[in-house]
């Protein structure tokens, strides 16, 4: 009878060890998957911000050229005289 109990204990210990190992591997895998998903999301977000900046970049150069032609340009005159550029400047500042 004691040999039978020894086999049962051995079987249970093996099961516990395998269960803990399986849980550990599953936990690490899910953490890595979550980290990869977050990295992919951040990468896509950064790429979108870069694309948005590129879209606004030409308009920012237009504002700079306008500033070079007119010595005293302020936000109110930009809003009145160039509403499209004013909107682009707001979009840039929101970025």
PDB file of N, CA and C in Angstrom:
ATOM      1  N   UNK A   1       0.805  -1.198   0.000  1.00  0.00           N
ATOM      2  CA  UNK A   1       0.000   0.000   0.000  1.00  0.00           C
ATOM      3  C   UNK A   1       0.842   1.253   0.000  1.00  0.00           C
ATOM      4  N   UNK A   2       1.963   1.244   0.652  1.00  0.00           N
ATOM      5  CA  UNK A   2       2.784   2.438   0.691  1.00  0.00           C
ATOM      6  C   UNK A   2       3.414   2.734  -0.666  1.00  0.00           C
ATOM      7  N   UNK A   3       3.661   1.698  -1.463  1.00  0.00           N
ATOM      8  CA  UNK A   3       4.203   1.924  -2.809  1.00  0.00           C
ATOM      9  C   UNK A   3       3.145   2.618  -3.673  1.00  0.00           C
ATOM     10  N   UNK A   4       1.881   2.225  -3.491  1.00  0.00           N
ATOM     11  CA  UNK A   4       0.780   2.861  -4.208  1.00  0.00           C
ATOM     12  C   UNK A   4       0.668   4.338  -3.839  1.00  0.00           C
ATOM     13  N   UNK A   5       0.777   4.639  -2.556  1.00  0.00           N
ATOM     14  CA  UNK A   5       0.704   6.034  -2.096  1.00  0.00           C
ATOM     15  C   UNK A   5       1.870   6.843  -2.638  1.00  0.00           C
ATOM     16  N   UNK A   6       3.027   6.234  -2.720  1.00  0.00           N
ATOM     17  CA  UNK A   6       4.205   6.905  -3.258  1.00  0.00           C
ATOM     18  C   UNK A   6       3.991   7.256  -4.728  1.00  0.00           C
ATOM     19  N   UNK A   7       3.380   6.349  -5.467  1.00  0.00           N
ATOM     20  CA  UNK A   7       3.084   6.596  -6.874  1.00  0.00           C
ATOM     21  C   UNK A   7       2.054   7.722  -7.031  1.00  0.00           C
ATOM     22  N   UNK A   8       1.056   7.727  -6.154  1.00  0.00           N
ATOM     23  CA  UNK A   8       0.035   8.777  -6.200  1.00  0.00           C
ATOM     24  C   UNK A   8       0.658  10.132  -5.897  1.00  0.00           C
ATOM     25  N   UNK A   9       1.484  10.199  -4.876  1.00  0.00           N
ATOM     26  CA  UNK A   9       2.149  11.456  -4.514  1.00  0.00           C
ATOM     27  C   UNK A   9       3.059  11.908  -5.655  1.00  0.00           C
ATOM     28  N   UNK A  10       3.772  10.954  -6.231  1.00  0.00           N
ATOM     29  CA  UNK A  10       4.658  11.283  -7.353  1.00  0.00           C
ATOM     30  C   UNK A  10       3.840  11.832  -8.529  1.00  0.00           C
ATOM     31  N   UNK A  11       2.705  11.205  -8.809  1.00  0.00           N
ATOM     32  CA  UNK A  11       1.834  11.657  -9.885  1.00  0.00           C
ATOM     33  C   UNK A  11       1.303  13.062  -9.602  1.00  0.00           C
ATOM     34  N   UNK A  12       0.895  13.321  -8.378  1.00  0.00           N
ATOM     35  CA  UNK A  12       0.374  14.643  -8.018  1.00  0.00           C
ATOM     36  C   UNK A  12       1.456  15.712  -8.097  1.00  0.00           C
ATOM     37  N   UNK A  13       2.660  15.403  -7.637  1.00  0.00           N
ATOM     38  CA  UNK A  13       3.761  16.364  -7.689  1.00  0.00           C
ATOM     39  C   UNK A  13       4.094  16.684  -9.137  1.00  0.00           C
ATOM     40  N   UNK A  14       4.126  15.667  -9.995  1.00  0.00           N
ATOM     41  CA  UNK A  14       4.391  15.902 -11.411  1.00  0.00           C
ATOM     42  C   UNK A  14       3.299  16.775 -12.024  1.00  0.00           C
ATOM     43  N   UNK A  15       2.070  16.517 -11.649  1.00  0.00           N
ATOM     44  CA  UNK A  15       0.961  17.322 -12.167  1.00  0.00           C
ATOM     45  C   UNK A  15       1.057  18.770 -11.730  1.00  0.00           C
ATOM     46  N   UNK A  16       1.400  18.967 -10.475  1.00  0.00           N
ATOM     47  CA  UNK A  16       1.540  20.333  -9.963  1.00  0.00           C
ATOM     48  C   UNK A  16       2.691  21.046 -10.667  1.00  0.00           C
ATOM     49  N   UNK A  17       3.816  20.357 -10.825  1.00  0.00           N
ATOM     50  CA  UNK A  17       4.972  20.970 -11.488  1.00  0.00           C
ATOM     51  C   UNK A  17       4.631  21.326 -12.928  1.00  0.00           C
ATOM     52  N   UNK A  18       4.006  20.397 -13.644  1.00  0.00           N
ATOM     53  CA  UNK A  18       3.617  20.680 -15.023  1.00  0.00           C
ATOM     54  C   UNK A  18       2.567  21.792 -15.100  1.00  0.00           C
ATOM     55  N   UNK A  19       1.634  21.794 -14.153  1.00  0.00           N
ATOM     56  CA  UNK A  19       0.619  22.851 -14.131  1.00  0.00           C
ATOM     57  C   UNK A  19       1.221  24.220 -13.895  1.00  0.00           C
ATOM     58  N   UNK A  20       2.147  24.311 -12.940  1.00  0.00           N
ATOM     59  CA  UNK A  20       2.807  25.590 -12.651  1.00  0.00           C
ATOM     60  C   UNK A  20       3.646  26.033 -13.845  1.00  0.00           C
ATOM     61  N   UNK A  21       4.359  25.091 -14.448  1.00  0.00           N
ATOM     62  CA  UNK A  21       5.173  25.430 -15.620  1.00  0.00           C
ATOM     63  C   UNK A  21       4.285  25.903 -16.765  1.00  0.00           C
ATOM     64  N   UNK A  22       3.177  25.208 -16.987  1.00  0.00           N
ATOM     65  CA  UNK A  22       2.241  25.613 -18.042  1.00  0.00           C
ATOM     66  C   UNK A  22       1.646  26.984 -17.776  1.00  0.00           C
ATOM     67  N   UNK A  23       1.275  27.218 -16.521  1.00  0.00           N
ATOM     68  CA  UNK A  23       0.733  28.532 -16.163  1.00  0.00           C
ATOM     69  C   UNK A  23       1.776  29.625 -16.376  1.00  0.00           C
ATOM     70  N   UNK A  24       3.015  29.360 -15.966  1.00  0.00           N
ATOM     71  CA  UNK A  24       4.078  30.349 -16.136  1.00  0.00           C
ATOM     72  C   UNK A  24       4.331  30.675 -17.596  1.00  0.00           C
ATOM     73  N   UNK A  25       4.381  29.643 -18.429  1.00  0.00           N
ATOM     74  CA  UNK A  25       4.602  29.869 -19.862  1.00  0.00           C
ATOM     75  C   UNK A  25       3.433  30.643 -20.462  1.00  0.00           C
ATOM     76  N   UNK A  26       2.226  30.267 -20.108  1.00  0.00           N
ATOM     77  CA  UNK A  26       1.040  30.969 -20.621  1.00  0.00           C
ATOM     78  C   UNK A  26       1.021  32.426 -20.167  1.00  0.00           C
ATOM     79  N   UNK A  27       1.362  32.663 -18.916  1.00  0.00           N
ATOM     80  CA  UNK A  27       1.385  34.022 -18.391  1.00  0.00           C
ATOM     81  C   UNK A  27       2.419  34.869 -19.124  1.00  0.00           C
ATOM     82  N   UNK A  28       3.635  34.333 -19.295  1.00  0.00           N
ATOM     83  CA  UNK A  28       4.683  35.080 -20.001  1.00  0.00           C
ATOM     84  C   UNK A  28       4.299  35.333 -21.452  1.00  0.00           C
ATOM     85  N   UNK A  29       3.708  34.347 -22.087  1.00  0.00           N
ATOM     86  CA  UNK A  29       3.288  34.507 -23.476  1.00  0.00           C
ATOM     87  C   UNK A  29       2.229  35.603 -23.602  1.00  0.00           C
ATOM     88  N   UNK A  30       1.250  35.602 -22.710  1.00  0.00           N
ATOM     89  CA  UNK A  30       0.200  36.623 -22.790  1.00  0.00           C
ATOM     90  C   UNK A  30       0.756  38.018 -22.507  1.00  0.00           C
ATOM     91  N   UNK A  31       1.724  38.106 -21.579  1.00  0.00           N
ATOM     92  CA  UNK A  31       2.351  39.410 -21.314  1.00  0.00           C
ATOM     93  C   UNK A  31       3.090  39.913 -22.544  1.00  0.00           C
ATOM     94  N   UNK A  32       3.832  39.021 -23.202  1.00  0.00           N
ATOM     95  CA  UNK A  32       4.564  39.420 -24.416  1.00  0.00           C
ATOM     96  C   UNK A  32       3.600  39.819 -25.525  1.00  0.00           C
ATOM     97  N   UNK A  33       2.503  39.082 -25.669  1.00  0.00           N
ATOM     98  CA  UNK A  33       1.512  39.431 -26.679  1.00  0.00           C
ATOM     99  C   UNK A  33       0.909  40.799 -26.405  1.00  0.00           C
ATOM    100  N   UNK A  34       0.629  41.083 -25.138  1.00  0.00           N
ATOM    101  CA  UNK A  34       0.085  42.385 -24.774  1.00  0.00           C
ATOM    102  C   UNK A  34       1.096  43.482 -25.074  1.00  0.00           C
ATOM    103  N   UNK A  35       2.356  43.244 -24.752  1.00  0.00           N
ATOM    104  CA  UNK A  35       3.398  44.232 -25.018  1.00  0.00           C
ATOM    105  C   UNK A  35       3.564  44.462 -26.519  1.00  0.00           C
ATOM    106  N   UNK A  36       3.511  43.395 -27.307  1.00  0.00           N
ATOM    107  CA  UNK A  36       3.605  43.539 -28.759  1.00  0.00           C
ATOM    108  C   UNK A  36       2.421  44.321 -29.311  1.00  0.00           C
ATOM    109  N   UNK A  37       1.236  44.070 -28.789  1.00  0.00           N
ATOM    110  CA  UNK A  37       0.047  44.801 -29.242  1.00  0.00           C
ATOM    111  C   UNK A  37       0.158  46.281 -28.893  1.00  0.00           C
ATOM    112  N   UNK A  38       0.648  46.582 -27.700  1.00  0.00           N
ATOM    113  CA  UNK A  38       0.829  47.989 -27.308  1.00  0.00           C
ATOM    114  C   UNK A  38       1.895  48.655 -28.170  1.00  0.00           C
ATOM    115  N   UNK A  39       2.984  47.955 -28.448  1.00  0.00           N
ATOM    116  CA  UNK A  39       4.035  48.511 -29.302  1.00  0.00           C
ATOM    117  C   UNK A  39       3.517  48.762 -30.712  1.00  0.00           C
ATOM    118  N   UNK A  40       2.715  47.839 -31.225  1.00  0.00           N
ATOM    119  CA  UNK A  40       2.144  48.020 -32.563  1.00  0.00           C
ATOM    120  C   UNK A  40       1.195  49.214 -32.586  1.00  0.00           C
ATOM    121  N   UNK A  41       0.378  49.351 -31.538  1.00  0.00           N
ATOM    122  CA  UNK A  41      -0.533  50.488 -31.452  1.00  0.00           C
ATOM    123  C   UNK A  41       0.239  51.806 -31.408  1.00  0.00           C
ATOM    124  N   UNK A  42       1.284  51.856 -30.567  1.00  0.00           N
ATOM    125  CA  UNK A  42       2.089  53.076 -30.468  1.00  0.00           C
ATOM    126  C   UNK A  42       2.786  53.384 -31.782  1.00  0.00           C
ATOM    127  N   UNK A  43       3.242  52.363 -32.479  1.00  0.00           N
ATOM    128  CA  UNK A  43       3.895  52.569 -33.772  1.00  0.00           C
ATOM    129  C   UNK A  43       2.907  53.151 -34.786  1.00  0.00           C
ATOM    130  N   UNK A  44       1.697  52.570 -34.836  1.00  0.00           N
ATOM    131  CA  UNK A  44       0.688  53.090 -35.757  1.00  0.00           C
ATOM    132  C   UNK A  44       0.308  54.526 -35.405  1.00  0.00           C
ATOM    133  N   UNK A  45       0.204  54.798 -34.118  1.00  0.00           N
ATOM    134  CA  UNK A  45      -0.136  56.150 -33.677  1.00  0.00           C
ATOM    135  C   UNK A  45       0.966  57.134 -34.065  1.00  0.00           C
ATOM    136  N   UNK A  46       2.213  56.753 -33.853  1.00  0.00           N
ATOM    137  CA  UNK A  46       3.335  57.611 -34.227  1.00  0.00           C
ATOM    138  C   UNK A  46       3.372  57.844 -35.735  1.00  0.00           C
ATOM    139  N   UNK A  47       3.120  56.786 -36.508  1.00  0.00           N
ATOM    140  CA  UNK A  47       3.104  56.938 -37.967  1.00  0.00           C
ATOM    141  C   UNK A  47       1.983  57.884 -38.393  1.00  0.00           C
ATOM    142  N   UNK A  48       0.833  57.786 -37.741  1.00  0.00           N
ATOM    143  CA  UNK A  48      -0.283  58.677 -38.074  1.00  0.00           C
ATOM    144  C   UNK A  48       0.059  60.115 -37.723  1.00  0.00           C
ATOM    145  N   UNK A  49       0.684  60.341 -36.579  1.00  0.00           N
ATOM    146  CA  UNK A  49       1.095  61.701 -36.227  1.00  0.00           C
ATOM    147  C   UNK A  49       2.123  62.238 -37.214  1.00  0.00           C
ATOM    148  N   UNK A  50       3.049  61.398 -37.641  1.00  0.00           N
ATOM    149  CA  UNK A  50       4.039  61.833 -38.637  1.00  0.00           C
ATOM    150  C   UNK A  50       3.370  62.196 -39.952  1.00  0.00           C
ATOM    151  N   UNK A  51       2.407  61.377 -40.381  1.00  0.00           N
ATOM    152  CA  UNK A  51       1.676  61.694 -41.620  1.00  0.00           C
ATOM    153  C   UNK A  51       0.914  63.001 -41.471  1.00  0.00           C
ATOM    154  N   UNK A  52       0.306  63.193 -40.317  1.00  0.00           N
ATOM    155  CA  UNK A  52      -0.447  64.420 -40.075  1.00  0.00           C
ATOM    156  C   UNK A  52       0.495  65.620 -40.085  1.00  0.00           C
ATOM    157  N   UNK A  53       1.647  65.488 -39.474  1.00  0.00           N
ATOM    158  CA  UNK A  53       2.619  66.574 -39.481  1.00  0.00           C
ATOM    159  C   UNK A  53       3.061  66.876 -40.908  1.00  0.00           C
ATOM    160  N   UNK A  54       3.311  65.833 -41.697  1.00  0.00           N
ATOM    161  CA  UNK A  54       3.714  66.049 -43.089  1.00  0.00           C
ATOM    162  C   UNK A  54       2.638  66.788 -43.875  1.00  0.00           C
ATOM    163  N   UNK A  55       1.375  66.457 -43.600  1.00  0.00           N
ATOM    164  CA  UNK A  55       0.282  67.165 -44.276  1.00  0.00           C
ATOM    165  C   UNK A  55       0.265  68.645 -43.901  1.00  0.00           C
ATOM    166  N   UNK A  56       0.574  68.952 -42.653  1.00  0.00           N
ATOM    167  CA  UNK A  56       0.518  70.337 -42.183  1.00  0.00           C
ATOM    168  C   UNK A  56       1.793  71.117 -42.486  1.00  0.00           C
ATOM    169  N   UNK A  57       2.860  70.413 -42.796  1.00  0.00           N
ATOM    170  CA  UNK A  57       4.164  71.051 -42.947  1.00  0.00           C
ATOM    171  C   UNK A  57       4.173  72.121 -44.037  1.00  0.00           C
ATOM    172  N   UNK A  58       3.558  71.845 -45.199  1.00  0.00           N
ATOM    173  CA  UNK A  58       3.528  72.835 -46.283  1.00  0.00           C
ATOM    174  C   UNK A  58       2.777  74.092 -45.856  1.00  0.00           C
ATOM    175  N   UNK A  59       1.692  73.897 -45.132  1.00  0.00           N
ATOM    176  CA  UNK A  59       0.932  75.059 -44.657  1.00  0.00           C
ATOM    177  C   UNK A  59       1.728  75.873 -43.641  1.00  0.00           C
ATOM    178  N   UNK A  60       2.518  75.201 -42.822  1.00  0.00           N
ATOM    179  CA  UNK A  60       3.369  75.926 -41.873  1.00  0.00           C
ATOM    180  C   UNK A  60       4.428  76.739 -42.611  1.00  0.00           C
ATOM    181  N   UNK A  61       4.941  76.168 -43.696  1.00  0.00           N
ATOM    182  CA  UNK A  61       5.893  76.939 -44.514  1.00  0.00           C
ATOM    183  C   UNK A  61       5.204  78.152 -45.150  1.00  0.00           C
ATOM    184  N   UNK A  62       3.942  78.003 -45.525  1.00  0.00           N
ATOM    185  CA  UNK A  62       3.192  79.138 -46.080  1.00  0.00           C
ATOM    186  C   UNK A  62       3.025  80.233 -45.043  1.00  0.00           C
ATOM    187  N   UNK A  63       2.760  79.860 -43.811  1.00  0.00           N
ATOM    188  CA  UNK A  63       2.634  80.848 -42.730  1.00  0.00           C
ATOM    189  C   UNK A  63       3.969  81.550 -42.536  1.00  0.00           C
ATOM    190  N   UNK A  64       5.043  80.781 -42.560  1.00  0.00           N
ATOM    191  CA  UNK A  64       6.392  81.369 -42.402  1.00  0.00           C
ATOM    192  C   UNK A  64       6.705  82.326 -43.551  1.00  0.00           C
ATOM    193  N   UNK A  65       6.321  81.962 -44.784  1.00  0.00           N
ATOM    194  CA  UNK A  65       6.536  82.848 -45.937  1.00  0.00           C
ATOM    195  C   UNK A  65       5.695  84.107 -45.800  1.00  0.00           C
ATOM    196  N   UNK A  66       4.467  83.964 -45.318  1.00  0.00           N
ATOM    197  CA  UNK A  66       3.598  85.122 -45.092  1.00  0.00           C
ATOM    198  C   UNK A  66       4.206  86.040 -44.044  1.00  0.00           C
ATOM    199  N   UNK A  67       4.774  85.455 -43.023  1.00  0.00           N
ATOM    200  CA  UNK A  67       5.427  86.233 -41.970  1.00  0.00           C
ATOM    201  C   UNK A  67       6.644  86.974 -42.529  1.00  0.00           C
ATOM    202  N   UNK A  68       7.358  86.360 -43.457  1.00  0.00           N
ATOM    203  CA  UNK A  68       8.524  87.013 -44.053  1.00  0.00           C
ATOM    204  C   UNK A  68       8.124  88.215 -44.897  1.00  0.00           C
ATOM    205  N   UNK A  69       6.975  88.095 -45.584  1.00  0.00           N
ATOM    206  CA  UNK A  69       6.513  89.212 -46.415  1.00  0.00           C
ATOM    207  C   UNK A  69       5.951  90.355 -45.573  1.00  0.00           C
ATOM    208  N   UNK A  70       5.251  90.031 -44.515  1.00  0.00           N
ATOM    209  CA  UNK A  70       4.660  91.042 -43.642  1.00  0.00           C
ATOM    210  C   UNK A  70       5.404  91.012 -42.317  1.00  0.00           C
ATOM    211  N   UNK A  71       5.953  92.131 -41.947  1.00  0.00           N
ATOM    212  CA  UNK A  71       6.767  92.168 -40.734  1.00  0.00           C
ATOM    213  C   UNK A  71       5.948  91.937 -39.471  1.00  0.00           C
ATOM    214  N   UNK A  72       4.770  92.503 -39.393  1.00  0.00           N
ATOM    215  CA  UNK A  72       3.963  92.390 -38.176  1.00  0.00           C
ATOM    216  C   UNK A  72       2.733  91.536 -38.432  1.00  0.00           C
ATOM    217  N   UNK A  73       2.899  90.256 -38.354  1.00  0.00           N
ATOM    218  CA  UNK A  73       1.745  89.363 -38.490  1.00  0.00           C
ATOM    219  C   UNK A  73       1.450  88.796 -37.108  1.00  0.00           C
ATOM    220  N   UNK A  74       0.199  88.873 -36.736  1.00  0.00           N
ATOM    221  CA  UNK A  74      -0.198  88.292 -35.453  1.00  0.00           C
ATOM    222  C   UNK A  74      -1.365  87.340 -35.689  1.00  0.00           C
ATOM    223  N   UNK A  75      -1.801  86.731 -34.654  1.00  0.00           N
ATOM    224  CA  UNK A  75      -2.811  85.681 -34.768  1.00  0.00           C
ATOM    225  C   UNK A  75      -4.145  86.237 -35.246  1.00  0.00           C
ATOM    226  N   UNK A  76      -4.489  87.467 -34.834  1.00  0.00           N
ATOM    227  CA  UNK A  76      -5.772  88.059 -35.261  1.00  0.00           C
ATOM    228  C   UNK A  76      -5.770  88.366 -36.751  1.00  0.00           C
ATOM    229  N   UNK A  77      -4.664  88.904 -37.253  1.00  0.00           N
ATOM    230  CA  UNK A  77      -4.612  89.200 -38.688  1.00  0.00           C
ATOM    231  C   UNK A  77      -4.574  87.899 -39.494  1.00  0.00           C
ATOM    232  N   UNK A  78      -3.939  86.887 -38.964  1.00  0.00           N
ATOM    233  CA  UNK A  78      -3.936  85.587 -39.652  1.00  0.00           C
ATOM    234  C   UNK A  78      -5.356  85.025 -39.686  1.00  0.00           C
ATOM    235  N   UNK A  79      -6.084  85.152 -38.579  1.00  0.00           N
ATOM    236  CA  UNK A  79      -7.458  84.655 -38.519  1.00  0.00           C
ATOM    237  C   UNK A  79      -8.357  85.387 -39.506  1.00  0.00           C
ATOM    238  N   UNK A  80      -8.184  86.714 -39.640  1.00  0.00           N
ATOM    239  CA  UNK A  80      -9.029  87.503 -40.543  1.00  0.00           C
ATOM    240  C   UNK A  80      -8.638  87.320 -42.000  1.00  0.00           C
ATOM    241  N   UNK A  81      -7.339  87.404 -42.297  1.00  0.00           N
ATOM    242  CA  UNK A  81      -6.876  87.432 -43.687  1.00  0.00           C
ATOM    243  C   UNK A  81      -6.654  86.042 -44.285  1.00  0.00           C
ATOM    244  N   UNK A  82      -6.274  85.089 -43.490  1.00  0.00           N
ATOM    245  CA  UNK A  82      -5.962  83.741 -43.982  1.00  0.00           C
ATOM    246  C   UNK A  82      -6.627  82.695 -43.086  1.00  0.00           C
ATOM    247  N   UNK A  83      -7.947  82.576 -43.149  1.00  0.00           N
ATOM    248  CA  UNK A  83      -8.625  81.642 -42.238  1.00  0.00           C
ATOM    249  C   UNK A  83      -8.200  80.180 -42.435  1.00  0.00           C
ATOM    250  N   UNK A  84      -7.882  79.797 -43.675  1.00  0.00           N
ATOM    251  CA  UNK A  84      -7.455  78.410 -43.918  1.00  0.00           C
ATOM    252  C   UNK A  84      -6.111  78.139 -43.237  1.00  0.00           C
ATOM    253  N   UNK A  85      -5.182  79.089 -43.348  1.00  0.00           N
ATOM    254  CA  UNK A  85      -3.886  78.921 -42.689  1.00  0.00           C
ATOM    255  C   UNK A  85      -4.023  78.971 -41.172  1.00  0.00           C
ATOM    256  N   UNK A  86      -4.936  79.807 -40.697  1.00  0.00           N
ATOM    257  CA  UNK A  86      -5.193  79.869 -39.254  1.00  0.00           C
ATOM    258  C   UNK A  86      -5.699  78.519 -38.743  1.00  0.00           C
ATOM    259  N   UNK A  87      -6.606  77.899 -39.513  1.00  0.00           N
ATOM    260  CA  UNK A  87      -7.125  76.582 -39.128  1.00  0.00           C
ATOM    261  C   UNK A  87      -5.998  75.547 -39.121  1.00  0.00           C
ATOM    262  N   UNK A  88      -5.122  75.607 -40.116  1.00  0.00           N
ATOM    263  CA  UNK A  88      -3.999  74.659 -40.171  1.00  0.00           C
ATOM    264  C   UNK A  88      -3.040  74.872 -38.997  1.00  0.00           C
ATOM    265  N   UNK A  89      -2.845  76.125 -38.621  1.00  0.00           N
ATOM    266  CA  UNK A  89      -1.993  76.409 -37.466  1.00  0.00           C
ATOM    267  C   UNK A  89      -2.618  75.833 -36.190  1.00  0.00           C
ATOM    268  N   UNK A  90      -3.927  75.982 -36.061  1.00  0.00           N
ATOM    269  CA  UNK A  90      -4.623  75.382 -34.913  1.00  0.00           C
ATOM    270  C   UNK A  90      -4.485  73.872 -34.924  1.00  0.00           C
ATOM    271  N   UNK A  91      -4.634  73.270 -36.095  1.00  0.00           N
ATOM    272  CA  UNK A  91      -4.493  71.808 -36.211  1.00  0.00           C
ATOM    273  C   UNK A  91      -3.085  71.383 -35.796  1.00  0.00           C
ATOM    274  N   UNK A  92      -2.084  72.160 -36.198  1.00  0.00           N
ATOM    275  CA  UNK A  92      -0.711  71.832 -35.836  1.00  0.00           C
ATOM    276  C   UNK A  92      -0.509  71.910 -34.320  1.00  0.00           C
ATOM    277  N   UNK A  93      -1.048  72.957 -33.720  1.00  0.00           N
ATOM    278  CA  UNK A  93      -0.901  73.113 -32.271  1.00  0.00           C
ATOM    279  C   UNK A  93      -1.648  72.029 -31.510  1.00  0.00           C
ATOM    280  N   UNK A  94      -2.732  71.546 -32.046  1.00  0.00           N
ATOM    281  CA  UNK A  94      -3.451  70.423 -31.436  1.00  0.00           C
ATOM    282  C   UNK A  94      -2.642  69.134 -31.530  1.00  0.00           C
ATOM    283  N   UNK A  95      -1.887  69.033 -32.613  1.00  0.00           N
ATOM    284  CA  UNK A  95      -1.049  67.840 -32.792  1.00  0.00           C
ATOM    285  C   UNK A  95      -0.035  67.739 -31.697  1.00  0.00           C
TER     286      UNK A  95
END
